[in-house]
Structure formats: structure tokens, C-alpha cells
């Protein structure tokens, strides 16, 4: 079992600028903090009527001192008052479905060590990634982590699926913004983790929380909707918090069309490519995109590149990026297949019964706050009395994710202590 001595600082690696990251790494290299040796040996898992769990791979331990150091160096010392425990991590390999076929998928589970009483579970929808190396189950300090793994140090069992398209299923294209696949991949992962938890004899509270920001917010919302509409034995959500998830997909596309631009064209490249596969349209990408982009996109979203690189190769201006006939058809509502898919996979028009917080920044530069406002208003109009909306003022989509995490940490802690 690995024990880490160095860290790649930052609560969320993807949210930090490369220059800042390299500076902090240099500091850590000089500090060379020693890790805590784990002397206790856990029993091996016994294959006992597993339905979803297929394999487990130890990803090692991270001592509490190192977690505190990374949060401090990253500029988030406010989290240190909550950080209490060293953590242990495993890659979970499990079965789920993709287009009706059984496939292997993966994710990471992390949990505190040295804690003698039971802990709650936290289900986390990971933010949008493009590079295979960024999959949560590729956890490898100092090079790759999401930051959500460290929630276990606060006293949670944390569950983070890679989602289809990454990890064990990296040969498939991520079904972005697809309701059924988003929900089912998370649900099946949680059921596999339940089997792991049972075989490991981990002590678990009867409290489970669900959260996610950006694409992770969509995954979390889809999961909550699916579980409420089709209850799953073994999974009960006590509270959920989602941020800037993009819940009304038709509205988001129409808003981008009106602006004639979108700051993350990688998102559109993946969305149209994924729907083309999921719905068996078999359309050439040149139906959606202009050249040379149409020919470049399959390689760009192959898993070899991150979002920043992909965005640099594309255009944020629709007149340059998209096929002009496609733009006209969208504005005239003459793309029935795509419009129907967007409506089918939107997750705003229902009435949650679970306590749900929607959080969004008024200064989000990628997903307009009006999407979350409309989602909240629609849910209330549908009869929900358990949903609330919290606007924040942090500048930008990415920076807002940090404030989102702080708010959610504090909220879940308050619920956990009641």
C-alpha cells in the first residue's frame, strides 16, 4: 500500500493556474513532509454475493498532516479546522450499462482511518473532464486528484465515480448531459461501494449526502431525480447541494445562440458528438461544425487532451465554429432530433422531495445564473417545498466552484451534527 509524502496542492487541481501550481509544488518539494505510517492491516475483501462490485485496487493512504499542508498552501486554510483524519483510498471497478449493454466502469472511494465511530456517506458528481488521466480513479499524488477525495478527512466516506468514458470505460465517449446514463452510472457505483463497505465492515451512519458542481451538479441533479422517481433499495439521500449544473439544456443552447458565442467550445464538441452516438444519428460532424473543426474534433475529444487545450483549438464564436445551416436550423427549431434530446435530458422540471440547495454565482461566465433561477422557480411551481436557491457573487464559473464547496461543507456539517 502506497504512503504519500508529497502533494500537488489545491482543493481542485483543475481550478488552479499552472504557474501557481508549479510554485506550490516547489515549496512542497523543499518541505518534504513525512507521511504517517499505517500499521494496521485490513482484512481482504471476500467475494460474497457481489452484484455490482468487480474489483478493488488500493490507491494508498494520505496522512492528515499532508492534507492540511496542501489546503494551506493552496490558499484555503479555512478547511483545516474540519480536517481531522488520515484517509485511505481504493479504486472501485463495477458493472453498469451503456446503451443497454453491460460495461465495466470505475471510480474512487475514500474514507477516514483512525476513526472509531460511524461516518456519513457523500456522493460526489465530478466536474467535467476530457483527459483520461484526470479520471478520479487515477488518483496519484502529486500528479492527479480532484480534491473531493479529501472530504473523507472531514469524517465522510466519499464516493466519486469516473463516469462512463473514463477509467475502465475510457474507450467509450462520455455521455455528457444524458439523464439516464448520468444517473445510472452514479447509482450503480454507489451500489458497488455499498458492497465494498459491507465487506470491509466500515461503520456507516444512516446519513447520505449528494453534491456536485458544474457537470458534477448536473450528474447530482440527475441522480436525485432518478432516485426519487424510481427508488433504489440501499440508497437514500438525506440532503443534496448542486451548483451551476446546467439543468435546462434547451434554454442554455438558446441563450448561447442569442449571444452567438460560448466560452467553452469543448463542451459543445463533446455534447453534439456524444448525442450523435447515443441516439444513433450517424451524422457527419460537419453537419454541426465548420471545417477544419469538424475533422479535428474526434481526436480532440479522444481522451488525450484537457479542456484548456481543446478550447484553444476551437473557436468561441459560433459564426466560425458552427455550420451556418445548423445555426439557421436551430434558430428556426428545425433540428427536431437535437431539440428533443435536449428536452429529454433536462433535469429542471420536477418537484424534489429531498432537501435540495441550488447555488450559483451571478457572475458566472459560462452558465448563466438564470438557468438555476428558472430551475428553482419551476420546482417551486411544481409543488416542491424542500428546494432553496442561494445566489453568490464570486467572479467566474471556476472560482465560484471554490465558494460552492465552502458553503456545502459548512451546510453538510451542520446537518451532520443535528
Protein backbone atom coordinates (compact mmCIF):
# COMPACT_ATOMS: atom_id res chain seq x y z
CA UNK A 1 0.00 0.00 0.00
CA UNK A 2 1.40 3.38 -1.02
CA UNK A 3 2.00 6.15 1.51
CA UNK A 4 2.40 9.62 0.04
CA UNK A 5 4.99 12.13 1.16
CA UNK A 6 4.44 14.92 -1.36
CA UNK A 7 1.32 16.67 -2.53
CA UNK A 8 0.16 18.58 -5.56
CA UNK A 9 -1.59 21.37 -3.60
CA UNK A 10 -5.05 22.64 -4.27
CA UNK A 11 -8.53 21.60 -3.34
CA UNK A 12 -9.29 21.28 -7.04
CA UNK A 13 -6.31 20.83 -9.36
CA UNK A 14 -8.32 21.83 -12.38
CA UNK A 15 -9.20 25.16 -10.78
CA UNK A 16 -5.65 26.40 -10.26
CA UNK A 17 -3.41 28.20 -12.70
CA UNK A 18 -0.34 26.27 -13.82
CA UNK A 19 2.10 28.94 -12.61
CA UNK A 20 0.64 28.89 -9.12
CA UNK A 21 0.64 25.12 -9.06
CA UNK A 22 4.28 24.83 -10.05
CA UNK A 23 5.27 27.38 -7.40
CA UNK A 24 3.46 25.50 -4.66
CA UNK A 25 4.87 22.15 -5.78
CA UNK A 26 8.37 23.60 -5.50
CA UNK A 27 7.62 24.69 -1.93
CA UNK A 28 6.33 21.25 -1.03
CA UNK A 29 9.37 19.58 -2.54
CA UNK A 30 11.54 21.59 -0.20
CA UNK A 31 9.37 20.89 2.83
CA UNK A 32 9.26 17.10 2.21
CA UNK A 33 6.65 16.39 4.84
CA UNK A 34 6.80 12.80 6.09
CA UNK A 35 3.65 10.74 5.93
CA UNK A 36 2.06 8.77 8.72
CA UNK A 37 2.78 5.09 8.53
CA UNK A 38 -0.31 2.89 8.57
CA UNK A 39 0.47 -0.14 10.70
CA UNK A 40 -2.98 -1.67 10.86
CA UNK A 41 -3.74 -4.25 8.20
CA UNK A 42 -7.29 -4.55 6.96
CA UNK A 43 -8.85 -7.89 6.00
CA UNK A 44 -9.03 -8.71 2.33
CA UNK A 45 -12.36 -8.39 0.60
CA UNK A 46 -14.30 -11.62 0.34
CA UNK A 47 -16.35 -12.05 -2.84
CA UNK A 48 -19.69 -12.55 -1.17
CA UNK A 49 -22.67 -12.27 -3.49
CA UNK A 50 -21.41 -9.17 -5.25
CA UNK A 51 -23.89 -7.79 -7.75
CA UNK A 52 -22.02 -4.71 -8.95
CA UNK A 53 -18.53 -4.75 -7.43
CA UNK A 54 -15.98 -6.45 -9.67
CA UNK A 55 -12.57 -5.45 -8.34
CA UNK A 56 -10.78 -3.14 -5.92
CA UNK A 57 -7.30 -1.63 -6.20
CA UNK A 58 -5.63 0.13 -3.28
CA UNK A 59 -4.60 3.70 -4.10
CA UNK A 60 -2.79 4.18 -0.81
CA UNK A 61 -3.04 6.44 2.23
CA UNK A 62 -2.71 10.19 2.71
CA UNK A 63 -1.85 11.42 6.23
CA UNK A 64 -3.81 14.22 7.86
CA UNK A 65 -0.70 16.40 8.13
CA UNK A 66 -0.26 16.30 4.37
CA UNK A 67 -3.89 17.13 3.68
CA UNK A 68 -3.66 20.15 5.97
CA UNK A 69 -0.47 21.26 4.28
CA UNK A 70 -1.97 21.08 0.80
CA UNK A 71 -5.07 23.07 1.75
CA UNK A 72 -2.94 25.70 3.47
CA UNK A 73 -0.52 26.11 0.58
CA UNK A 74 -3.40 26.23 -1.88
CA UNK A 75 -4.80 29.23 -0.03
CA UNK A 76 -7.72 27.53 1.71
CA UNK A 77 -6.71 27.32 5.40
CA UNK A 78 -10.36 27.68 6.38
CA UNK A 79 -10.81 23.98 5.63
CA UNK A 80 -8.16 22.94 8.14
CA UNK A 81 -10.46 23.34 11.13
CA UNK A 82 -12.54 20.48 9.69
CA UNK A 83 -9.69 18.21 8.59
CA UNK A 84 -9.14 15.57 11.26
CA UNK A 85 -8.24 12.20 9.80
CA UNK A 86 -5.79 10.47 7.52
CA UNK A 87 -7.56 8.79 4.62
CA UNK A 88 -7.39 5.55 2.66
CA UNK A 89 -8.40 5.27 -0.98
CA UNK A 90 -9.45 2.47 -3.33
CA UNK A 91 -10.29 2.29 -6.98
CA UNK A 92 -13.64 0.53 -7.41
CA UNK A 93 -14.36 -1.43 -10.60
CA UNK A 94 -18.02 -2.19 -11.12
CA UNK A 95 -20.68 -3.01 -13.70
CA UNK A 96 -23.12 -0.54 -15.17
CA UNK A 97 -24.84 -0.13 -18.54
CA UNK A 98 -24.13 1.90 -21.65
CA UNK A 99 -26.72 1.96 -24.44
CA UNK A 100 -28.33 -1.10 -22.87
CA UNK A 101 -25.12 -3.17 -22.71
CA UNK A 102 -23.26 -4.14 -19.55
CA UNK A 103 -19.86 -2.44 -19.27
CA UNK A 104 -17.14 -2.10 -16.67
CA UNK A 105 -16.80 1.32 -15.08
CA UNK A 106 -14.77 2.70 -12.19
CA UNK A 107 -14.46 5.33 -9.52
CA UNK A 108 -12.71 6.09 -6.26
CA UNK A 109 -13.85 5.64 -2.67
CA UNK A 110 -12.01 7.34 0.19
CA UNK A 111 -12.63 7.03 3.91
CA UNK A 112 -11.05 8.19 7.18
CA UNK A 113 -8.69 5.98 9.14
CA UNK A 114 -8.33 6.03 12.90
CA UNK A 115 -11.98 6.95 13.44
CA UNK A 116 -13.85 4.57 15.72
CA UNK A 117 -17.44 5.71 15.28
CA UNK A 118 -19.67 5.67 12.21
CA UNK A 119 -19.47 8.27 9.42
CA UNK A 120 -21.92 9.51 6.77
CA UNK A 121 -21.53 8.95 3.05
CA UNK A 122 -21.09 11.69 0.48
CA UNK A 123 -21.84 11.01 -3.19
CA UNK A 124 -19.98 13.40 -5.49
CA UNK A 125 -20.59 14.15 -9.15
CA UNK A 126 -17.20 15.00 -10.63
CA UNK A 127 -16.74 18.13 -12.71
CA UNK A 128 -16.32 17.91 -16.46
CA UNK A 129 -13.03 16.38 -17.60
CA UNK A 130 -11.74 15.43 -21.04
CA UNK A 131 -8.35 13.79 -20.46
CA UNK A 132 -8.31 10.14 -19.40
CA UNK A 133 -5.53 10.88 -16.93
CA UNK A 134 -7.87 13.17 -14.97
CA UNK A 135 -10.29 10.37 -14.04
CA UNK A 136 -10.78 10.27 -10.25
CA UNK A 137 -9.71 6.62 -10.10
CA UNK A 138 -6.31 7.68 -11.48
CA UNK A 139 -5.64 9.31 -8.11
CA UNK A 140 -1.88 9.68 -7.92
CA UNK A 141 -0.17 12.31 -5.83
CA UNK A 142 1.42 14.60 -6.73
CA UNK A 143 0.08 14.42 -10.26
CA UNK A 144 -3.66 13.82 -10.24
CA UNK A 145 -6.54 14.28 -7.84
CA UNK A 146 -9.91 16.01 -7.81
CA UNK A 147 -9.77 17.28 -4.22
CA UNK A 148 -13.10 15.72 -3.34
CA UNK A 149 -11.21 12.65 -2.10
CA UNK A 150 -10.03 14.72 0.86
CA UNK A 151 -13.59 15.19 2.10
CA UNK A 152 -13.01 11.83 3.79
CA UNK A 153 -10.63 13.64 6.15
CA UNK A 154 -13.60 15.58 7.50
CA UNK A 155 -15.19 12.30 8.56
CA UNK A 156 -17.06 11.06 5.48
CA UNK A 157 -16.96 8.06 3.21
CA UNK A 158 -16.63 9.79 -0.15
CA UNK A 159 -17.78 8.20 -3.42
CA UNK A 160 -16.65 9.69 -6.75
CA UNK A 161 -17.41 7.78 -9.98
CA UNK A 162 -15.23 8.36 -13.04
CA UNK A 163 -18.38 8.23 -15.18
CA UNK A 164 -18.57 6.30 -18.45
CA UNK A 165 -15.86 7.41 -20.83
CA UNK A 166 -13.07 7.43 -18.25
CA UNK A 167 -11.17 4.90 -16.18
CA UNK A 168 -12.22 1.36 -17.01
CA UNK A 169 -14.59 2.61 -19.73
CA UNK A 170 -12.21 5.09 -21.36
CA UNK A 171 -12.76 3.58 -24.81
CA UNK A 172 -16.30 4.97 -24.79
CA UNK A 173 -17.28 8.60 -25.27
CA UNK A 174 -18.56 10.31 -22.14
CA UNK A 175 -22.38 10.63 -22.44
CA UNK A 176 -22.40 14.23 -21.28
CA UNK A 177 -25.73 15.72 -20.21
CA UNK A 178 -27.55 12.43 -20.66
CA UNK A 179 -30.04 11.88 -17.86
CA UNK A 180 -30.23 8.08 -17.79
CA UNK A 181 -26.51 7.45 -18.14
CA UNK A 182 -25.58 10.15 -15.64
CA UNK A 183 -27.95 8.83 -13.00
CA UNK A 184 -27.43 5.12 -13.60
CA UNK A 185 -23.64 5.34 -13.61
CA UNK A 186 -23.70 7.09 -10.23
CA UNK A 187 -26.35 4.79 -8.77
CA UNK A 188 -24.58 1.60 -9.83
CA UNK A 189 -21.32 2.96 -8.43
CA UNK A 190 -22.94 3.64 -5.07
CA UNK A 191 -24.40 0.12 -5.00
CA UNK A 192 -20.93 -1.29 -5.73
CA UNK A 193 -19.47 0.85 -2.95
CA UNK A 194 -22.16 -0.41 -0.59
CA UNK A 195 -20.87 -3.92 -1.27
CA UNK A 196 -17.31 -2.75 -0.62
CA UNK A 197 -18.36 -1.04 2.62
CA UNK A 198 -20.15 -4.17 3.82
CA UNK A 199 -17.21 -6.45 3.08
CA UNK A 200 -14.78 -4.02 4.73
CA UNK A 201 -17.04 -3.72 7.77
CA UNK A 202 -16.81 0.07 7.63
CA UNK A 203 -19.00 1.88 10.13
CA UNK A 204 -21.57 4.00 8.29
CA UNK A 205 -24.14 6.45 9.61
CA UNK A 206 -27.66 6.44 8.27
CA UNK A 207 -26.96 9.72 6.51
CA UNK A 208 -26.06 10.17 2.86
CA UNK A 209 -25.39 13.46 1.09
CA UNK A 210 -25.16 14.21 -2.61
CA UNK A 211 -23.32 17.07 -4.27
CA UNK A 212 -21.65 18.28 -7.45
CA UNK A 213 -20.64 21.47 -9.22
CA UNK A 214 -20.88 22.31 -12.92
CA UNK A 215 -21.11 19.00 -14.83
CA UNK A 216 -20.97 17.35 -11.41
CA UNK A 217 -24.03 19.41 -10.46
CA UNK A 218 -25.91 18.03 -13.45
CA UNK A 219 -24.88 14.47 -12.51
CA UNK A 220 -26.01 15.02 -8.93
CA UNK A 221 -29.35 16.53 -10.00
CA UNK A 222 -29.99 13.70 -12.46
CA UNK A 223 -29.17 11.15 -9.77
CA UNK A 224 -31.51 12.74 -7.24
CA UNK A 225 -34.34 12.93 -9.79
CA UNK A 226 -33.86 9.28 -10.79
CA UNK A 227 -33.79 8.04 -7.19
CA UNK A 228 -36.91 10.00 -6.25
CA UNK A 229 -38.84 8.83 -9.30
CA UNK A 230 -37.59 5.22 -9.11
CA UNK A 231 -36.46 4.49 -5.53
CA UNK A 232 -33.36 2.31 -5.25
CA UNK A 233 -33.08 -0.10 -2.30
CA UNK A 234 -29.92 0.72 -0.40
CA UNK A 235 -29.76 4.39 -1.44
CA UNK A 236 -31.50 7.20 0.43
CA UNK A 237 -30.39 10.81 0.03
CA UNK A 238 -30.81 12.98 3.12
CA UNK A 239 -29.74 16.26 1.50
CA UNK A 240 -28.27 17.46 -1.78
CA UNK A 241 -26.44 20.56 -2.98
CA UNK A 242 -25.82 21.36 -6.64
CA UNK A 243 -24.06 24.29 -8.26
CA UNK A 244 -24.20 25.76 -11.77
CA UNK A 245 -25.05 22.40 -13.30
CA UNK A 246 -26.85 23.43 -16.46
CA UNK A 247 -30.26 21.90 -15.80
CA UNK A 248 -32.43 23.27 -18.65
CA UNK A 249 -30.39 22.31 -21.69
CA UNK A 250 -32.71 23.82 -24.27
CA UNK A 251 -32.56 27.18 -22.51
CA UNK A 252 -28.77 27.04 -22.30
CA UNK A 253 -28.38 26.37 -26.02
CA UNK A 254 -30.85 29.12 -26.94
CA UNK A 255 -29.03 31.53 -24.65
CA UNK A 256 -25.70 30.70 -26.31
CA UNK A 257 -27.28 31.14 -29.75
CA UNK A 258 -28.54 34.57 -28.73
CA UNK A 259 -25.05 35.53 -27.54
CA UNK A 260 -23.52 33.91 -30.65
CA UNK A 261 -20.63 32.70 -28.53
CA UNK A 262 -19.69 30.21 -25.83
CA UNK A 263 -16.53 30.34 -23.74
CA UNK A 264 -16.09 26.55 -23.60
CA UNK A 265 -16.49 25.21 -27.17
CA UNK A 266 -15.06 21.88 -25.97
CA UNK A 267 -18.39 21.37 -24.21
CA UNK A 268 -20.33 21.71 -27.45
CA UNK A 269 -17.90 19.44 -29.31
CA UNK A 270 -18.47 16.71 -26.75
CA UNK A 271 -22.23 17.26 -26.46
CA UNK A 272 -23.05 17.01 -30.16
CA UNK A 273 -20.60 14.14 -30.68
CA UNK A 274 -21.99 12.21 -27.74
CA UNK A 275 -25.65 12.67 -28.70
CA UNK A 276 -24.77 11.64 -32.25
CA UNK A 277 -23.63 8.29 -30.84
CA UNK A 278 -26.26 7.85 -28.12
CA UNK A 279 -29.18 8.47 -30.47
CA UNK A 280 -27.64 6.69 -33.47
CA UNK A 281 -28.00 9.72 -35.70
CA UNK A 282 -24.86 8.74 -37.63
CA UNK A 283 -24.49 12.29 -38.89
CA UNK A 284 -21.13 13.63 -40.04
CA UNK A 285 -19.78 16.18 -37.58
CA UNK A 286 -19.69 18.64 -40.47
CA UNK A 287 -23.47 18.84 -40.03
CA UNK A 288 -22.77 20.62 -36.75
CA UNK A 289 -19.33 22.19 -37.12
CA UNK A 290 -17.37 24.00 -39.80
CA UNK A 291 -14.08 22.71 -41.10
CA UNK A 292 -11.37 22.31 -40.05
CA UNK A 293 -13.04 21.84 -36.65
CA UNK A 294 -15.35 19.02 -37.73
CA UNK A 295 -12.40 16.87 -38.78
CA UNK A 296 -10.33 17.74 -35.72
CA UNK A 297 -12.95 17.11 -33.03
CA UNK A 298 -12.80 13.27 -32.87
CA UNK A 299 -9.12 13.45 -31.96
CA UNK A 300 -9.56 16.42 -29.64
CA UNK A 301 -12.16 14.58 -27.51
CA UNK A 302 -10.37 11.21 -27.66
CA UNK A 303 -9.16 11.47 -24.08
CA UNK A 304 -5.64 12.66 -24.90
CA UNK A 305 -6.20 16.35 -24.18
CA UNK A 306 -7.61 18.51 -21.40
CA UNK A 307 -10.34 21.11 -21.77
CA UNK A 308 -7.97 24.06 -21.91
CA UNK A 309 -6.09 22.62 -24.87
CA UNK A 310 -9.29 21.65 -26.71
CA UNK A 311 -10.76 25.12 -26.26
CA UNK A 312 -7.60 26.65 -27.71
CA UNK A 313 -8.01 24.57 -30.88
CA UNK A 314 -11.64 25.59 -31.41
CA UNK A 315 -13.46 28.91 -31.70
CA UNK A 316 -15.71 30.55 -29.16
CA UNK A 317 -17.56 32.40 -31.93
CA UNK A 318 -20.49 30.47 -33.40
CA UNK A 319 -20.08 32.05 -36.83
CA UNK A 320 -16.63 30.46 -37.01
CA UNK A 321 -17.31 27.26 -35.09
CA UNK A 322 -20.72 26.01 -36.22
CA UNK A 323 -22.09 25.08 -39.63
CA UNK A 324 -24.15 28.13 -40.72
CA UNK A 325 -27.02 25.90 -41.89
CA UNK A 326 -27.02 24.24 -38.46
CA UNK A 327 -27.29 27.65 -36.77
CA UNK A 328 -30.23 28.60 -39.00
CA UNK A 329 -31.96 25.29 -38.33
CA UNK A 330 -31.53 25.70 -34.57
CA UNK A 331 -32.94 29.22 -34.61
CA UNK A 332 -35.89 28.03 -36.71
CA UNK A 333 -36.40 24.98 -34.46
CA UNK A 334 -35.63 22.78 -37.43
CA UNK A 335 -33.37 20.34 -35.58
CA UNK A 336 -36.08 18.11 -34.08
CA UNK A 337 -33.75 15.29 -33.01
CA UNK A 338 -31.39 17.54 -31.10
CA UNK A 339 -34.15 19.66 -29.59
CA UNK A 340 -35.98 16.54 -28.40
CA UNK A 341 -32.75 15.16 -26.90
CA UNK A 342 -32.09 18.38 -25.01
CA UNK A 343 -35.63 18.44 -23.64
CA UNK A 344 -35.46 14.75 -22.70
CA UNK A 345 -32.23 15.22 -20.77
CA UNK A 346 -33.07 18.46 -18.99
CA UNK A 347 -33.47 17.92 -15.24
CA UNK A 348 -35.19 21.09 -14.02
CA UNK A 349 -38.90 20.36 -14.46
CA UNK A 350 -39.87 18.26 -11.44
CA UNK A 351 -40.62 18.64 -7.72
CA UNK A 352 -37.88 17.34 -5.39
CA UNK A 353 -38.91 15.99 -2.00
CA UNK A 354 -35.34 15.77 -0.71
CA UNK A 355 -33.84 18.86 0.92
CA UNK A 356 -32.02 20.48 -2.01
CA UNK A 357 -29.88 23.60 -2.27
CA UNK A 358 -29.14 25.16 -5.65
CA UNK A 359 -26.15 27.51 -5.58
CA UNK A 360 -25.00 29.74 -8.45
CA UNK A 361 -22.95 32.88 -8.96
CA UNK A 362 -24.45 35.99 -10.52
CA UNK A 363 -21.04 36.46 -12.16
CA UNK A 364 -20.78 33.03 -13.77
CA UNK A 365 -19.17 33.48 -17.18
CA UNK A 366 -20.10 30.06 -18.54
CA UNK A 367 -23.53 29.03 -17.28
CA UNK A 368 -25.96 31.92 -16.68
CA UNK A 369 -27.48 32.14 -13.22
CA UNK A 370 -30.89 32.43 -14.85
CA UNK A 371 -30.74 28.67 -15.55
CA UNK A 372 -30.59 27.92 -11.81
CA UNK A 373 -33.17 30.61 -11.02
CA UNK A 374 -35.58 29.11 -13.55
CA UNK A 375 -34.90 25.63 -12.19
CA UNK A 376 -35.72 26.76 -8.66
CA UNK A 377 -38.86 28.64 -9.72
CA UNK A 378 -40.09 25.69 -11.77
CA UNK A 379 -39.57 23.26 -8.90
CA UNK A 380 -41.46 25.54 -6.51
CA UNK A 381 -44.26 25.95 -9.06
CA UNK A 382 -44.40 22.16 -9.32
CA UNK A 383 -45.04 21.96 -5.58
CA UNK A 384 -41.62 21.41 -4.04
CA UNK A 385 -41.19 22.87 -0.56
CA UNK A 386 -37.74 21.41 0.08
CA UNK A 387 -35.71 23.32 -2.51
CA UNK A 388 -33.85 26.58 -1.89
CA UNK A 389 -31.77 28.88 -4.07
CA UNK A 390 -28.58 30.65 -2.96
CA UNK A 391 -27.04 33.27 -5.27
CA UNK A 392 -23.39 34.11 -4.66
CA UNK A 393 -21.21 36.85 -6.16
CA UNK A 394 -17.83 35.23 -6.83
CA UNK A 395 -16.35 36.17 -10.20
CA UNK A 396 -16.29 33.45 -12.86
CA UNK A 397 -17.53 29.87 -13.16
CA UNK A 398 -14.35 28.22 -11.89
CA UNK A 399 -13.69 30.49 -8.92
CA UNK A 400 -17.32 30.16 -7.90
CA UNK A 401 -16.73 26.44 -7.51
CA UNK A 402 -14.44 27.11 -4.55
CA UNK A 403 -17.06 29.16 -2.71
CA UNK A 404 -19.63 26.49 -3.56
CA UNK A 405 -17.51 23.85 -1.83
CA UNK A 406 -17.09 26.03 1.28
CA UNK A 407 -20.83 26.60 1.53
CA UNK A 408 -21.63 22.94 1.03
CA UNK A 409 -19.02 21.76 3.54
CA UNK A 410 -20.48 24.01 6.22
CA UNK A 411 -24.05 23.07 5.40
CA UNK A 412 -23.47 19.33 5.42
CA UNK A 413 -21.50 19.65 8.65
CA UNK A 414 -24.44 21.47 10.28
CA UNK A 415 -26.82 18.74 9.12
CA UNK A 416 -24.44 16.03 10.24
CA UNK A 417 -24.24 17.46 13.74
CA UNK A 418 -28.03 17.60 14.18
